[in-house]
Structure formats: C-alpha cells, structure tokens
Amino acid sequence: MITNICKTGLVIIGLVVSGTSLMGQLPASDIYLCNVKWNQKNILINKPVLLSSFNADKYNNQPYFEDYQNMYVTSGDSNNKTDIVKLNLFDREYFYLTKTKGISEFSPQLTPDKTSISVVRIEKDGITQTLWSYPLDRSNHGINMLPNLRNVGYHVWIDTKMVALFLVDSLPKLALADIEKGSVSVIQNGIGRCLKCKNGYLFFTVKGEDGRHAVKKYNIRDLSIEEVAVLPEKTEDFEVLTNGNIIFANGSKIKMLNVSTFPPQTSLVCNLEDYGIKNINRLVSERDRIVVVNLKTK
C-alpha cells in the first residue's frame, strides 16, 4: 500500500474534465499491482497490492509504466478534477506531478526522449482537448505539441517525432501526427480508446457490427493493417506482452490470447475475485508485473 506523505511536484497549467470530454462523471476506482510468475505449467500470482490508497474512493485510472520501478497514474477528486501522480513502486512513495487549481490533465506518458511527460489536457472551455508535454526538470510550463488539433482523446508514442492519436469525433479516428512538421493523417475510423505500440507495431481496436472489438496492428514500416484477434463482448482494453500475446480483462478475470495459434486460443491468467477485484477496467504490464484498474461498484 502506498502510504508515504504526498509531495507536490510540478505546478503547471492543466485542464477541466467536463463538457464533451472523454471522462464525464468520474467513477471511483482503485489501482492494484500484481506480481506474476509465468511458467510452462501454470501461472502464479501474489496477493494484489493496492496502489491508490492515497486517493481512496475516488477516480484512479490510466496507469502507465515509466519503467519497472515507477509509474504514472491519473487521479481525480470529487469535483471531477484530475492530476498526474507518480508512484515509486519500490519505496512506496508518491507525489503529484500536477496539482493545479480548477484544471486537470490525464492520459500520462513518458516522452521517447525521457525528458518530459505528455498528457491530454482539456482547455478552460471544457471542450477543447490538446496534447501537451511538460518537462520533468520544470524548466518551463510546457508546450502544446499540436496546436492545430483540438480533439485529442488518447495517445501513444511511436518514436521521438511520431505519435498515434485517438481523435474524438462522432466516429473516433486513429491518426498519426508528426510533431516536428505538425502534420496529421487519419488511418482508421471507428476505433476504440486503447492504443499500444510494441515490437514495431501500433495496436488498436475497431468495433464491429456485433459490438465486439477486433484488435488490429498497424505495421509502422510498410503501413499495412492486419487483424490479430477479436475480444469478448464488452471488452475493449488490452495489453500486448513482449512475446506478442495479448492479455485482457473480463470482470474479475485476466485472460491471455495466444496469437501464435489460429484462431488465437484464450487461457486464464488469474481470477482476482477473492481479493475483491471484480470489475477490471484497464490493465498494463511491465515484465512480471501487471497493474489493473478496478471500478468500484456501489
């Protein structure tokens, strides 16, 4: 459990989570760390560790591994204001990277040059959503990396100048943006919110007519798109492991798709129901660690 005294970090201009933003009313949620041991016969998992006790009964979501020891999360208060918090998983310390009155940031990532964090920010009008970067050394108050875009929902970095974007629209769009040139090109319509970049591929989902999300991968080298697997109904978040397999959550269960088989075979990784984790919303992994977001039910 993270119990250290909160430390205030960067104070930077943020955003209000309201209007037509992606978040709307923020649901109470908890973040848990699971240590997993993989072997050929079975999968062992230690008792999950609660990481979000510093913000109990409020919104805690969008975990992102900076490295094996550190991660960023988005935490919100009862007024729908969100800030970026950095967690040290070894020392069990946390501090706020942003803590700005009345404005918020979400969807944190480390920039490829490892000098800044990038976030999506909703401007003061409560409608405009922009992509910003804030230097970790606090040398300035940050920059709007794509000032001509006003509908950024989520993002994932491809390399030091290319970033993939979920663009908010009546039919959400997947776009690639060059932050040096300021150019933006749409490559897919009707995508889901989950974006991953692993092993030279950009992974995303497209919702089919049956309501299920198909995981697709975009080859960054030859620009081709290939379907990888189809997720179960009401599931759109996933994680790509180093070996290319995909894990996803369904209720209290974490499952894995073996993409080396055709069709991909599904196996159970673990069931966290005995720990009170019954409604997993998002999950991310780093080596033998899986972090899950559990939506709290009334």
C-alpha atoms as a PDB file:
ATOM      1  CA  MET A   1       0.000   0.000   0.000  1.00  0.00           C
ATOM      2  CA  ILE A   2       1.297   3.469  -0.874  1.00  0.00           C
ATOM      3  CA  THR A   3       1.344   5.309   2.443  1.00  0.00           C
ATOM      4  CA  ASN A   4       4.026   7.984   2.195  1.00  0.00           C
ATOM      5  CA  ILE A   5       3.267  11.651   2.664  1.00  0.00           C
ATOM      6  CA  CYS A   6       2.177  13.324  -0.550  1.00  0.00           C
ATOM      7  CA  LYS A   7       4.785  15.545  -2.175  1.00  0.00           C
ATOM      8  CA  THR A   8       3.791  18.312  -4.540  1.00  0.00           C
ATOM      9  CA  GLY A   9       5.728  18.230  -7.798  1.00  0.00           C
ATOM     10  CA  LEU A  10       5.326  20.335 -10.917  1.00  0.00           C
ATOM     11  CA  VAL A  11       2.681  23.035 -10.852  1.00  0.00           C
ATOM     12  CA  ILE A  12       1.549  23.554 -14.400  1.00  0.00           C
ATOM     13  CA  ILE A  13      -1.449  24.781 -16.316  1.00  0.00           C
ATOM     14  CA  GLY A  14      -3.969  21.993 -16.742  1.00  0.00           C
ATOM     15  CA  LEU A  15      -7.488  21.256 -17.902  1.00  0.00           C
ATOM     16  CA  VAL A  16     -11.053  20.841 -16.777  1.00  0.00           C
ATOM     17  CA  VAL A  17     -12.647  17.433 -17.213  1.00  0.00           C
ATOM     18  CA  SER A  18     -16.121  18.458 -18.286  1.00  0.00           C
ATOM     19  CA  GLY A  19     -18.116  19.447 -21.342  1.00  0.00           C
ATOM     20  CA  THR A  20     -17.604  16.936 -24.117  1.00  0.00           C
ATOM     21  CA  SER A  21     -14.503  15.372 -22.637  1.00  0.00           C
ATOM     22  CA  LEU A  22     -13.974  11.636 -22.651  1.00  0.00           C
ATOM     23  CA  MET A  23     -14.262  11.244 -18.900  1.00  0.00           C
ATOM     24  CA  GLY A  24     -17.629  12.757 -17.956  1.00  0.00           C
ATOM     25  CA  GLN A  25     -18.540  11.879 -14.378  1.00  0.00           C
ATOM     26  CA  LEU A  26     -15.505  10.118 -12.986  1.00  0.00           C
ATOM     27  CA  PRO A  27     -16.205   6.703 -11.428  1.00  0.00           C
ATOM     28  CA  ALA A  28     -14.496   5.632  -8.203  1.00  0.00           C
ATOM     29  CA  SER A  29     -11.734   3.153  -8.977  1.00  0.00           C
ATOM     30  CA  ASP A  30      -8.683   1.533  -7.418  1.00  0.00           C
ATOM     31  CA  ILE A  31      -5.312   0.556  -8.871  1.00  0.00           C
ATOM     32  CA  TYR A  32      -3.642  -2.732  -7.886  1.00  0.00           C
ATOM     33  CA  LEU A  33      -0.201  -4.176  -8.555  1.00  0.00           C
ATOM     34  CA  CYS A  34       0.047  -7.916  -9.242  1.00  0.00           C
ATOM     35  CA  ASN A  35       3.356  -9.790  -9.378  1.00  0.00           C
ATOM     36  CA  VAL A  36       3.101 -12.701 -11.775  1.00  0.00           C
ATOM     37  CA  LYS A  37       5.321 -15.748 -12.236  1.00  0.00           C
ATOM     38  CA  TRP A  38       4.962 -17.335 -15.656  1.00  0.00           C
ATOM     39  CA  ASN A  39       5.994 -20.915 -16.345  1.00  0.00           C
ATOM     40  CA  GLN A  40       5.004 -23.640 -18.767  1.00  0.00           C
ATOM     41  CA  LYS A  41       2.598 -25.452 -16.446  1.00  0.00           C
ATOM     42  CA  ASN A  42       0.779 -22.678 -14.620  1.00  0.00           C
ATOM     43  CA  ILE A  43       0.745 -19.014 -13.702  1.00  0.00           C
ATOM     44  CA  LEU A  44       1.315 -17.899 -10.120  1.00  0.00           C
ATOM     45  CA  ILE A  45       0.200 -14.514  -8.841  1.00  0.00           C
ATOM     46  CA  ASN A  46       0.886 -12.873  -5.497  1.00  0.00           C
ATOM     47  CA  LYS A  47      -1.760 -11.053  -3.497  1.00  0.00           C
ATOM     48  CA  PRO A  48      -2.524  -7.773  -5.304  1.00  0.00           C
ATOM     49  CA  VAL A  49      -1.139  -4.624  -3.656  1.00  0.00           C
ATOM     50  CA  LEU A  50      -3.355  -1.531  -3.511  1.00  0.00           C
ATOM     51  CA  LEU A  51      -1.524   1.451  -5.019  1.00  0.00           C
ATOM     52  CA  SER A  52      -4.203   4.138  -4.813  1.00  0.00           C
ATOM     53  CA  SER A  53      -4.895   4.362  -1.068  1.00  0.00           C
ATOM     54  CA  PHE A  54      -3.708   7.992  -1.155  1.00  0.00           C
ATOM     55  CA  ASN A  55      -6.870   8.829  -3.121  1.00  0.00           C
ATOM     56  CA  ALA A  56      -9.404   6.412  -1.647  1.00  0.00           C
ATOM     57  CA  ASP A  57     -12.933   6.160  -3.039  1.00  0.00           C
ATOM     58  CA  LYS A  58     -12.149   8.493  -5.920  1.00  0.00           C
ATOM     59  CA  TYR A  59     -11.030   8.199  -9.531  1.00  0.00           C
ATOM     60  CA  ASN A  60      -7.691   6.438 -10.074  1.00  0.00           C
ATOM     61  CA  ASN A  61      -7.016   5.237 -13.603  1.00  0.00           C
ATOM     62  CA  GLN A  62      -4.834   5.222 -16.733  1.00  0.00           C
ATOM     63  CA  PRO A  63      -1.712   3.627 -15.215  1.00  0.00           C
ATOM     64  CA  TYR A  64       1.458   3.884 -17.287  1.00  0.00           C
ATOM     65  CA  PHE A  65       4.815   2.274 -16.517  1.00  0.00           C
ATOM     66  CA  GLU A  66       7.705   4.724 -16.768  1.00  0.00           C
ATOM     67  CA  ASP A  67       9.979   1.784 -16.017  1.00  0.00           C
ATOM     68  CA  TYR A  68       9.924  -1.298 -13.801  1.00  0.00           C
ATOM     69  CA  GLN A  69      10.015   0.761 -10.600  1.00  0.00           C
ATOM     70  CA  ASN A  70       7.968   3.858 -11.428  1.00  0.00           C
ATOM     71  CA  MET A  71       4.606   4.589 -12.947  1.00  0.00           C
ATOM     72  CA  TYR A  72       2.241   7.464 -13.670  1.00  0.00           C
ATOM     73  CA  VAL A  73      -1.475   7.408 -12.925  1.00  0.00           C
ATOM     74  CA  THR A  74      -4.379   9.806 -13.330  1.00  0.00           C
ATOM     75  CA  SER A  75      -6.152  10.611 -10.063  1.00  0.00           C
ATOM     76  CA  GLY A  76      -9.306  12.673  -9.691  1.00  0.00           C
ATOM     77  CA  ASP A  77     -11.179  14.330  -6.868  1.00  0.00           C
ATOM     78  CA  SER A  78     -14.890  14.599  -6.115  1.00  0.00           C
ATOM     79  CA  ASN A  79     -15.129  17.704  -8.321  1.00  0.00           C
ATOM     80  CA  ASN A  80     -14.005  15.887 -11.489  1.00  0.00           C
ATOM     81  CA  LYS A  81     -10.560  17.492 -11.354  1.00  0.00           C
ATOM     82  CA  THR A  82      -7.716  15.169 -12.345  1.00  0.00           C
ATOM     83  CA  ASP A  83      -3.976  15.343 -11.763  1.00  0.00           C
ATOM     84  CA  ILE A  84      -0.992  13.221 -12.736  1.00  0.00           C
ATOM     85  CA  VAL A  85       0.632  11.296  -9.891  1.00  0.00           C
ATOM     86  CA  LYS A  86       3.972   9.488  -9.990  1.00  0.00           C
ATOM     87  CA  LEU A  87       4.283   6.293  -7.933  1.00  0.00           C
ATOM     88  CA  ASN A  88       7.562   4.726  -6.847  1.00  0.00           C
ATOM     89  CA  LEU A  89       6.736   1.033  -6.560  1.00  0.00           C
ATOM     90  CA  PHE A  90       9.926   0.209  -4.661  1.00  0.00           C
ATOM     91  CA  ASP A  91       9.957   2.912  -1.990  1.00  0.00           C
ATOM     92  CA  ARG A  92       6.139   3.110  -1.974  1.00  0.00           C
ATOM     93  CA  GLU A  93       6.247   6.882  -2.334  1.00  0.00           C
ATOM     94  CA  TYR A  94       4.058   9.096  -4.466  1.00  0.00           C
ATOM     95  CA  PHE A  95       3.987  12.717  -5.497  1.00  0.00           C
ATOM     96  CA  TYR A  96       1.836  14.896  -7.702  1.00  0.00           C
ATOM     97  CA  LEU A  97       3.410  15.966 -10.969  1.00  0.00           C
ATOM     98  CA  THR A  98       0.461  18.301 -11.483  1.00  0.00           C
ATOM     99  CA  LYS A  99      -1.659  19.968  -8.833  1.00  0.00           C
ATOM    100  CA  THR A 100      -3.306  22.977 -10.393  1.00  0.00           C
ATOM    101  CA  LYS A 101      -6.428  24.657  -9.048  1.00  0.00           C
ATOM    102  CA  GLY A 102      -9.507  24.051 -11.169  1.00  0.00           C
ATOM    103  CA  ILE A 103      -7.769  22.429 -14.166  1.00  0.00           C
ATOM    104  CA  SER A 104      -6.684  18.883 -14.975  1.00  0.00           C
ATOM    105  CA  GLU A 105      -4.532  16.559 -17.070  1.00  0.00           C
ATOM    106  CA  PHE A 106      -4.984  12.888 -17.957  1.00  0.00           C
ATOM    107  CA  SER A 107      -3.517  10.048 -20.047  1.00  0.00           C
ATOM    108  CA  PRO A 108       0.142  10.458 -18.957  1.00  0.00           C
ATOM    109  CA  GLN A 109       3.087   9.001 -20.851  1.00  0.00           C
ATOM    110  CA  LEU A 110       6.836   9.447 -20.806  1.00  0.00           C
ATOM    111  CA  THR A 111       8.083  11.063 -23.998  1.00  0.00           C
ATOM    112  CA  PRO A 112      10.541   8.945 -26.030  1.00  0.00           C
ATOM    113  CA  ASP A 113      13.478  11.199 -25.110  1.00  0.00           C
ATOM    114  CA  LYS A 114      12.617  10.604 -21.418  1.00  0.00           C
ATOM    115  CA  THR A 115      12.794  14.316 -20.593  1.00  0.00           C
ATOM    116  CA  SER A 116       9.079  15.100 -20.308  1.00  0.00           C
ATOM    117  CA  ILE A 117       5.647  13.690 -19.694  1.00  0.00           C
ATOM    118  CA  SER A 118       2.986  14.054 -22.352  1.00  0.00           C
ATOM    119  CA  VAL A 119      -0.657  14.406 -21.373  1.00  0.00           C
ATOM    120  CA  VAL A 120      -4.034  15.127 -22.878  1.00  0.00           C
ATOM    121  CA  ARG A 121      -5.470  18.312 -21.498  1.00  0.00           C
ATOM    122  CA  ILE A 122      -8.957  19.767 -21.731  1.00  0.00           C
ATOM    123  CA  GLU A 123      -8.760  23.537 -22.036  1.00  0.00           C
ATOM    124  CA  LYS A 124     -10.694  26.019 -19.912  1.00  0.00           C
ATOM    125  CA  ASP A 125     -13.662  25.988 -22.292  1.00  0.00           C
ATOM    126  CA  GLY A 126     -14.300  22.391 -21.215  1.00  0.00           C
ATOM    127  CA  ILE A 127     -14.416  21.243 -24.841  1.00  0.00           C
ATOM    128  CA  THR A 128     -11.018  21.670 -26.482  1.00  0.00           C
ATOM    129  CA  GLN A 129      -8.683  18.711 -25.927  1.00  0.00           C
ATOM    130  CA  THR A 130      -4.996  19.172 -26.692  1.00  0.00           C
ATOM    131  CA  LEU A 131      -1.729  17.253 -26.439  1.00  0.00           C
ATOM    132  CA  TRP A 132       0.856  18.826 -24.152  1.00  0.00           C
ATOM    133  CA  SER A 133       4.314  17.968 -22.877  1.00  0.00           C
ATOM    134  CA  TYR A 134       5.748  19.119 -19.549  1.00  0.00           C
ATOM    135  CA  PRO A 135       9.489  18.899 -18.787  1.00  0.00           C
ATOM    136  CA  LEU A 136      10.409  16.770 -15.795  1.00  0.00           C
ATOM    137  CA  ASP A 137      13.115  19.271 -14.832  1.00  0.00           C
ATOM    138  CA  ARG A 138      10.452  22.030 -14.510  1.00  0.00           C
ATOM    139  CA  SER A 139      12.403  24.290 -16.858  1.00  0.00           C
ATOM    140  CA  ASN A 140       9.191  25.672 -18.379  1.00  0.00           C
ATOM    141  CA  HIS A 141       5.415  25.406 -18.112  1.00  0.00           C
ATOM    142  CA  GLY A 142       5.036  23.014 -21.027  1.00  0.00           C
ATOM    143  CA  ILE A 143       4.099  23.272 -24.688  1.00  0.00           C
ATOM    144  CA  ASN A 144       1.136  22.388 -26.865  1.00  0.00           C
ATOM    145  CA  MET A 145       2.740  19.907 -29.244  1.00  0.00           C
ATOM    146  CA  LEU A 146      -0.021  20.007 -31.873  1.00  0.00           C
ATOM    147  CA  PRO A 147      -1.688  23.436 -31.573  1.00  0.00           C
ATOM    148  CA  ASN A 148      -3.931  22.884 -34.597  1.00  0.00           C
ATOM    149  CA  LEU A 149      -5.609  19.842 -33.037  1.00  0.00           C
ATOM    150  CA  ARG A 150      -8.496  20.396 -30.638  1.00  0.00           C
ATOM    151  CA  ASN A 151      -9.979  16.903 -30.221  1.00  0.00           C
ATOM    152  CA  VAL A 152      -7.215  14.656 -28.869  1.00  0.00           C
ATOM    153  CA  GLY A 153      -8.549  11.845 -26.684  1.00  0.00           C
ATOM    154  CA  TYR A 154      -5.663   9.424 -26.090  1.00  0.00           C
ATOM    155  CA  HIS A 155      -2.163   8.996 -27.446  1.00  0.00           C
ATOM    156  CA  VAL A 156       0.802   6.650 -27.653  1.00  0.00           C
ATOM    157  CA  TRP A 157       4.312   7.423 -28.857  1.00  0.00           C
ATOM    158  CA  ILE A 158       5.769   5.625 -31.873  1.00  0.00           C
ATOM    159  CA  ASP A 159       9.157   7.370 -31.915  1.00  0.00           C
ATOM    160  CA  THR A 160      10.654  10.732 -30.980  1.00  0.00           C
ATOM    161  CA  LYS A 161       8.602  12.639 -33.542  1.00  0.00           C
ATOM    162  CA  MET A 162       5.610  10.425 -34.381  1.00  0.00           C
ATOM    163  CA  VAL A 163       2.639   9.948 -32.085  1.00  0.00           C
ATOM    164  CA  ALA A 164      -0.566   7.957 -32.621  1.00  0.00           C
ATOM    165  CA  LEU A 165      -3.775   9.693 -31.592  1.00  0.00           C
ATOM    166  CA  PHE A 166      -7.344   8.777 -30.743  1.00  0.00           C
ATOM    167  CA  LEU A 167      -9.292  11.737 -32.121  1.00  0.00           C
ATOM    168  CA  VAL A 168     -12.664  12.421 -30.533  1.00  0.00           C
ATOM    169  CA  ASP A 169     -15.436  12.528 -33.127  1.00  0.00           C
ATOM    170  CA  SER A 170     -18.874  11.049 -33.739  1.00  0.00           C
ATOM    171  CA  LEU A 171     -16.843   8.173 -35.173  1.00  0.00           C
ATOM    172  CA  PRO A 172     -13.491   8.188 -33.322  1.00  0.00           C
ATOM    173  CA  LYS A 173     -10.459   8.280 -35.588  1.00  0.00           C
ATOM    174  CA  LEU A 174      -6.950   6.851 -35.399  1.00  0.00           C
ATOM    175  CA  ALA A 175      -4.416   9.367 -36.656  1.00  0.00           C
ATOM    176  CA  LEU A 176      -0.647   9.624 -36.915  1.00  0.00           C
ATOM    177  CA  ALA A 177       0.899  13.003 -36.170  1.00  0.00           C
ATOM    178  CA  ASP A 178       4.375  14.334 -36.842  1.00  0.00           C
ATOM    179  CA  ILE A 179       5.084  16.794 -34.030  1.00  0.00           C
ATOM    180  CA  GLU A 180       8.002  18.359 -35.912  1.00  0.00           C
ATOM    181  CA  LYS A 181       6.035  19.072 -39.098  1.00  0.00           C
ATOM    182  CA  GLY A 182       2.641  19.444 -37.413  1.00  0.00           C
ATOM    183  CA  SER A 183       1.096  17.092 -39.981  1.00  0.00           C
ATOM    184  CA  VAL A 184      -1.755  14.718 -39.122  1.00  0.00           C
ATOM    185  CA  SER A 185      -3.031  11.784 -41.191  1.00  0.00           C
ATOM    186  CA  VAL A 186      -6.067   9.632 -40.378  1.00  0.00           C
ATOM    187  CA  ILE A 187      -5.534   5.911 -40.968  1.00  0.00           C
ATOM    188  CA  GLN A 188      -8.670   4.299 -39.465  1.00  0.00           C
ATOM    189  CA  ASN A 189     -12.203   5.268 -38.437  1.00  0.00           C
ATOM    190  CA  GLY A 190     -14.328   3.792 -35.659  1.00  0.00           C
ATOM    191  CA  ILE A 191     -11.548   2.863 -33.256  1.00  0.00           C
ATOM    192  CA  GLY A 192     -11.599   2.075 -29.538  1.00  0.00           C
ATOM    193  CA  ARG A 193      -9.730   4.003 -26.864  1.00  0.00           C
ATOM    194  CA  CYS A 194      -6.894   1.518 -26.288  1.00  0.00           C
ATOM    195  CA  LEU A 195      -3.647   2.210 -28.155  1.00  0.00           C
ATOM    196  CA  LYS A 196      -0.397   0.269 -27.726  1.00  0.00           C
ATOM    197  CA  CYS A 197       2.932   0.414 -29.538  1.00  0.00           C
ATOM    198  CA  LYS A 198       5.039  -2.743 -29.248  1.00  0.00           C
ATOM    199  CA  ASN A 199       7.594  -4.581 -31.370  1.00  0.00           C
ATOM    200  CA  GLY A 200       7.329  -2.203 -34.331  1.00  0.00           C
ATOM    201  CA  TYR A 201       3.529  -2.323 -34.476  1.00  0.00           C
ATOM    202  CA  LEU A 202       0.761   0.038 -33.434  1.00  0.00           C
ATOM    203  CA  PHE A 203      -2.101  -1.925 -31.856  1.00  0.00           C
ATOM    204  CA  PHE A 204      -5.675  -0.618 -31.689  1.00  0.00           C
ATOM    205  CA  THR A 205      -9.245  -1.879 -31.812  1.00  0.00           C
ATOM    206  CA  VAL A 206     -12.147  -1.413 -34.201  1.00  0.00           C
ATOM    207  CA  LYS A 207     -15.706  -2.066 -33.075  1.00  0.00           C
ATOM    208  CA  GLY A 208     -17.546  -4.499 -35.327  1.00  0.00           C
ATOM    209  CA  GLU A 209     -21.240  -4.700 -36.193  1.00  0.00           C
ATOM    210  CA  ASP A 210     -21.680  -7.338 -33.478  1.00  0.00           C
ATOM    211  CA  GLY A 211     -20.389  -4.897 -30.856  1.00  0.00           C
ATOM    212  CA  ARG A 212     -17.121  -6.753 -30.269  1.00  0.00           C
ATOM    213  CA  HIS A 213     -13.746  -5.072 -30.629  1.00  0.00           C
ATOM    214  CA  ALA A 214     -11.233  -6.536 -33.061  1.00  0.00           C
ATOM    215  CA  VAL A 215      -7.578  -5.966 -32.175  1.00  0.00           C
ATOM    216  CA  LYS A 216      -5.633  -4.819 -35.210  1.00  0.00           C
ATOM    217  CA  LYS A 217      -1.989  -3.981 -35.735  1.00  0.00           C
ATOM    218  CA  TYR A 218      -0.556  -1.324 -37.994  1.00  0.00           C
ATOM    219  CA  ASN A 219       2.881  -2.077 -39.402  1.00  0.00           C
ATOM    220  CA  ILE A 220       4.861   1.118 -38.961  1.00  0.00           C
ATOM    221  CA  ARG A 221       7.336   0.074 -41.673  1.00  0.00           C
ATOM    222  CA  ASP A 222       5.099  -0.978 -44.572  1.00  0.00           C
ATOM    223  CA  LEU A 223       1.867   0.766 -43.406  1.00  0.00           C
ATOM    224  CA  SER A 224      -0.225  -2.417 -43.630  1.00  0.00           C
ATOM    225  CA  ILE A 225      -3.057  -3.264 -41.212  1.00  0.00           C
ATOM    226  CA  GLU A 226      -3.731  -6.807 -40.018  1.00  0.00           C
ATOM    227  CA  GLU A 227      -6.374  -8.207 -37.666  1.00  0.00           C
ATOM    228  CA  VAL A 228      -4.855 -10.019 -34.694  1.00  0.00           C
ATOM    229  CA  ALA A 229      -7.796 -11.224 -32.602  1.00  0.00           C
ATOM    230  CA  VAL A 230     -11.336 -10.414 -31.513  1.00  0.00           C
ATOM    231  CA  LEU A 231     -12.019  -9.525 -27.888  1.00  0.00           C
ATOM    232  CA  PRO A 232     -15.065 -10.757 -25.964  1.00  0.00           C
ATOM    233  CA  GLU A 233     -18.220  -8.672 -25.840  1.00  0.00           C
ATOM    234  CA  LYS A 234     -17.978  -5.506 -23.694  1.00  0.00           C
ATOM    235  CA  THR A 235     -14.164  -5.680 -23.661  1.00  0.00           C
ATOM    236  CA  GLU A 236     -12.036  -3.055 -25.406  1.00  0.00           C
ATOM    237  CA  ASP A 237      -8.916  -2.621 -23.268  1.00  0.00           C
ATOM    238  CA  PHE A 238      -5.928  -4.900 -23.719  1.00  0.00           C
ATOM    239  CA  GLU A 239      -2.173  -5.129 -23.236  1.00  0.00           C
ATOM    240  CA  VAL A 240       0.458  -6.559 -25.574  1.00  0.00           C
ATOM    241  CA  LEU A 241       3.134  -8.687 -23.926  1.00  0.00           C
ATOM    242  CA  THR A 242       6.758  -8.763 -25.070  1.00  0.00           C
ATOM    243  CA  ASN A 243       6.170 -12.109 -26.824  1.00  0.00           C
ATOM    244  CA  GLY A 244       3.267 -10.634 -28.786  1.00  0.00           C
ATOM    245  CA  ASN A 245       0.474 -12.341 -26.869  1.00  0.00           C
ATOM    246  CA  ILE A 246      -2.427 -10.218 -25.672  1.00  0.00           C
ATOM    247  CA  ILE A 247      -3.906 -10.030 -22.195  1.00  0.00           C
ATOM    248  CA  PHE A 248      -7.287  -8.534 -21.410  1.00  0.00           C
ATOM    249  CA  ALA A 249      -9.740  -8.460 -18.532  1.00  0.00           C
ATOM    250  CA  ASN A 250     -13.285  -9.691 -18.226  1.00  0.00           C
ATOM    251  CA  GLY A 251     -14.853  -8.888 -14.862  1.00  0.00           C
ATOM    252  CA  SER A 252     -12.504 -10.298 -12.231  1.00  0.00           C
ATOM    253  CA  LYS A 253     -10.528 -12.439 -14.670  1.00  0.00           C
ATOM    254  CA  ILE A 254      -7.372 -11.677 -16.614  1.00  0.00           C
ATOM    255  CA  LYS A 255      -7.105 -13.775 -19.753  1.00  0.00           C
ATOM    256  CA  MET A 256      -4.487 -14.233 -22.438  1.00  0.00           C
ATOM    257  CA  LEU A 257      -4.795 -14.664 -26.186  1.00  0.00           C
ATOM    258  CA  ASN A 258      -2.067 -16.796 -27.738  1.00  0.00           C
ATOM    259  CA  VAL A 259      -1.689 -15.112 -31.112  1.00  0.00           C
ATOM    260  CA  SER A 260       0.705 -17.775 -32.421  1.00  0.00           C
ATOM    261  CA  THR A 261      -2.280 -20.100 -32.917  1.00  0.00           C
ATOM    262  CA  PHE A 262      -5.093 -19.697 -35.427  1.00  0.00           C
ATOM    263  CA  PRO A 263      -7.577 -18.795 -34.305  1.00  0.00           C
ATOM    264  CA  PRO A 264      -5.920 -17.318 -31.195  1.00  0.00           C
ATOM    265  CA  GLN A 265      -6.504 -19.530 -28.153  1.00  0.00           C
ATOM    266  CA  THR A 266      -7.699 -17.982 -24.888  1.00  0.00           C
ATOM    267  CA  SER A 267      -6.385 -19.091 -21.491  1.00  0.00           C
ATOM    268  CA  LEU A 268      -6.976 -17.879 -17.942  1.00  0.00           C
ATOM    269  CA  VAL A 269      -4.119 -15.966 -16.321  1.00  0.00           C
ATOM    270  CA  CYS A 270      -5.796 -15.384 -12.960  1.00  0.00           C
ATOM    271  CA  ASN A 271      -9.075 -14.673 -11.196  1.00  0.00           C
ATOM    272  CA  LEU A 272      -8.891 -11.802  -8.701  1.00  0.00           C
ATOM    273  CA  GLU A 273     -12.421 -12.094  -7.319  1.00  0.00           C
ATOM    274  CA  ASP A 274     -11.194 -13.391  -3.936  1.00  0.00           C
ATOM    275  CA  TYR A 275      -9.363 -10.079  -3.477  1.00  0.00           C
ATOM    276  CA  GLY A 276     -12.484  -8.009  -4.101  1.00  0.00           C
ATOM    277  CA  ILE A 277     -11.392  -7.122  -7.631  1.00  0.00           C
ATOM    278  CA  LYS A 278     -14.488  -7.792  -9.712  1.00  0.00           C
ATOM    279  CA  ASN A 279     -14.680  -5.149 -12.419  1.00  0.00           C
ATOM    280  CA  ILE A 280     -11.317  -4.640 -14.117  1.00  0.00           C
ATOM    281  CA  ASN A 281     -11.388  -1.636 -16.409  1.00  0.00           C
ATOM    282  CA  ARG A 282      -7.804  -1.267 -17.681  1.00  0.00           C
ATOM    283  CA  LEU A 283      -4.559  -3.176 -17.352  1.00  0.00           C
ATOM    284  CA  VAL A 284      -0.895  -2.614 -18.184  1.00  0.00           C
ATOM    285  CA  SER A 285       2.166  -4.816 -17.795  1.00  0.00           C
ATOM    286  CA  GLU A 286       5.907  -4.493 -17.309  1.00  0.00           C
ATOM    287  CA  ARG A 287       7.878  -7.755 -17.282  1.00  0.00           C
ATOM    288  CA  ASP A 288       6.453  -9.802 -14.371  1.00  0.00           C
ATOM    289  CA  ARG A 289       4.142  -7.038 -13.179  1.00  0.00           C
ATOM    290  CA  ILE A 290       0.534  -6.443 -14.132  1.00  0.00           C
ATOM    291  CA  VAL A 291      -1.297  -3.361 -12.882  1.00  0.00           C
ATOM    292  CA  VAL A 292      -5.090  -3.352 -13.048  1.00  0.00           C
ATOM    293  CA  VAL A 293      -7.770  -0.724 -12.545  1.00  0.00           C
ATOM    294  CA  ASN A 294     -10.828  -1.960 -10.674  1.00  0.00           C
ATOM    295  CA  LEU A 295     -14.037   0.047 -11.000  1.00  0.00           C
ATOM    296  CA  LYS A 296     -15.796   0.149  -7.656  1.00  0.00           C
ATOM    297  CA  THR A 297     -19.421  -0.908  -7.570  1.00  0.00           C
ATOM    298  CA  LYS A 298     -21.984   0.559  -5.198  1.00  0.00           C
END
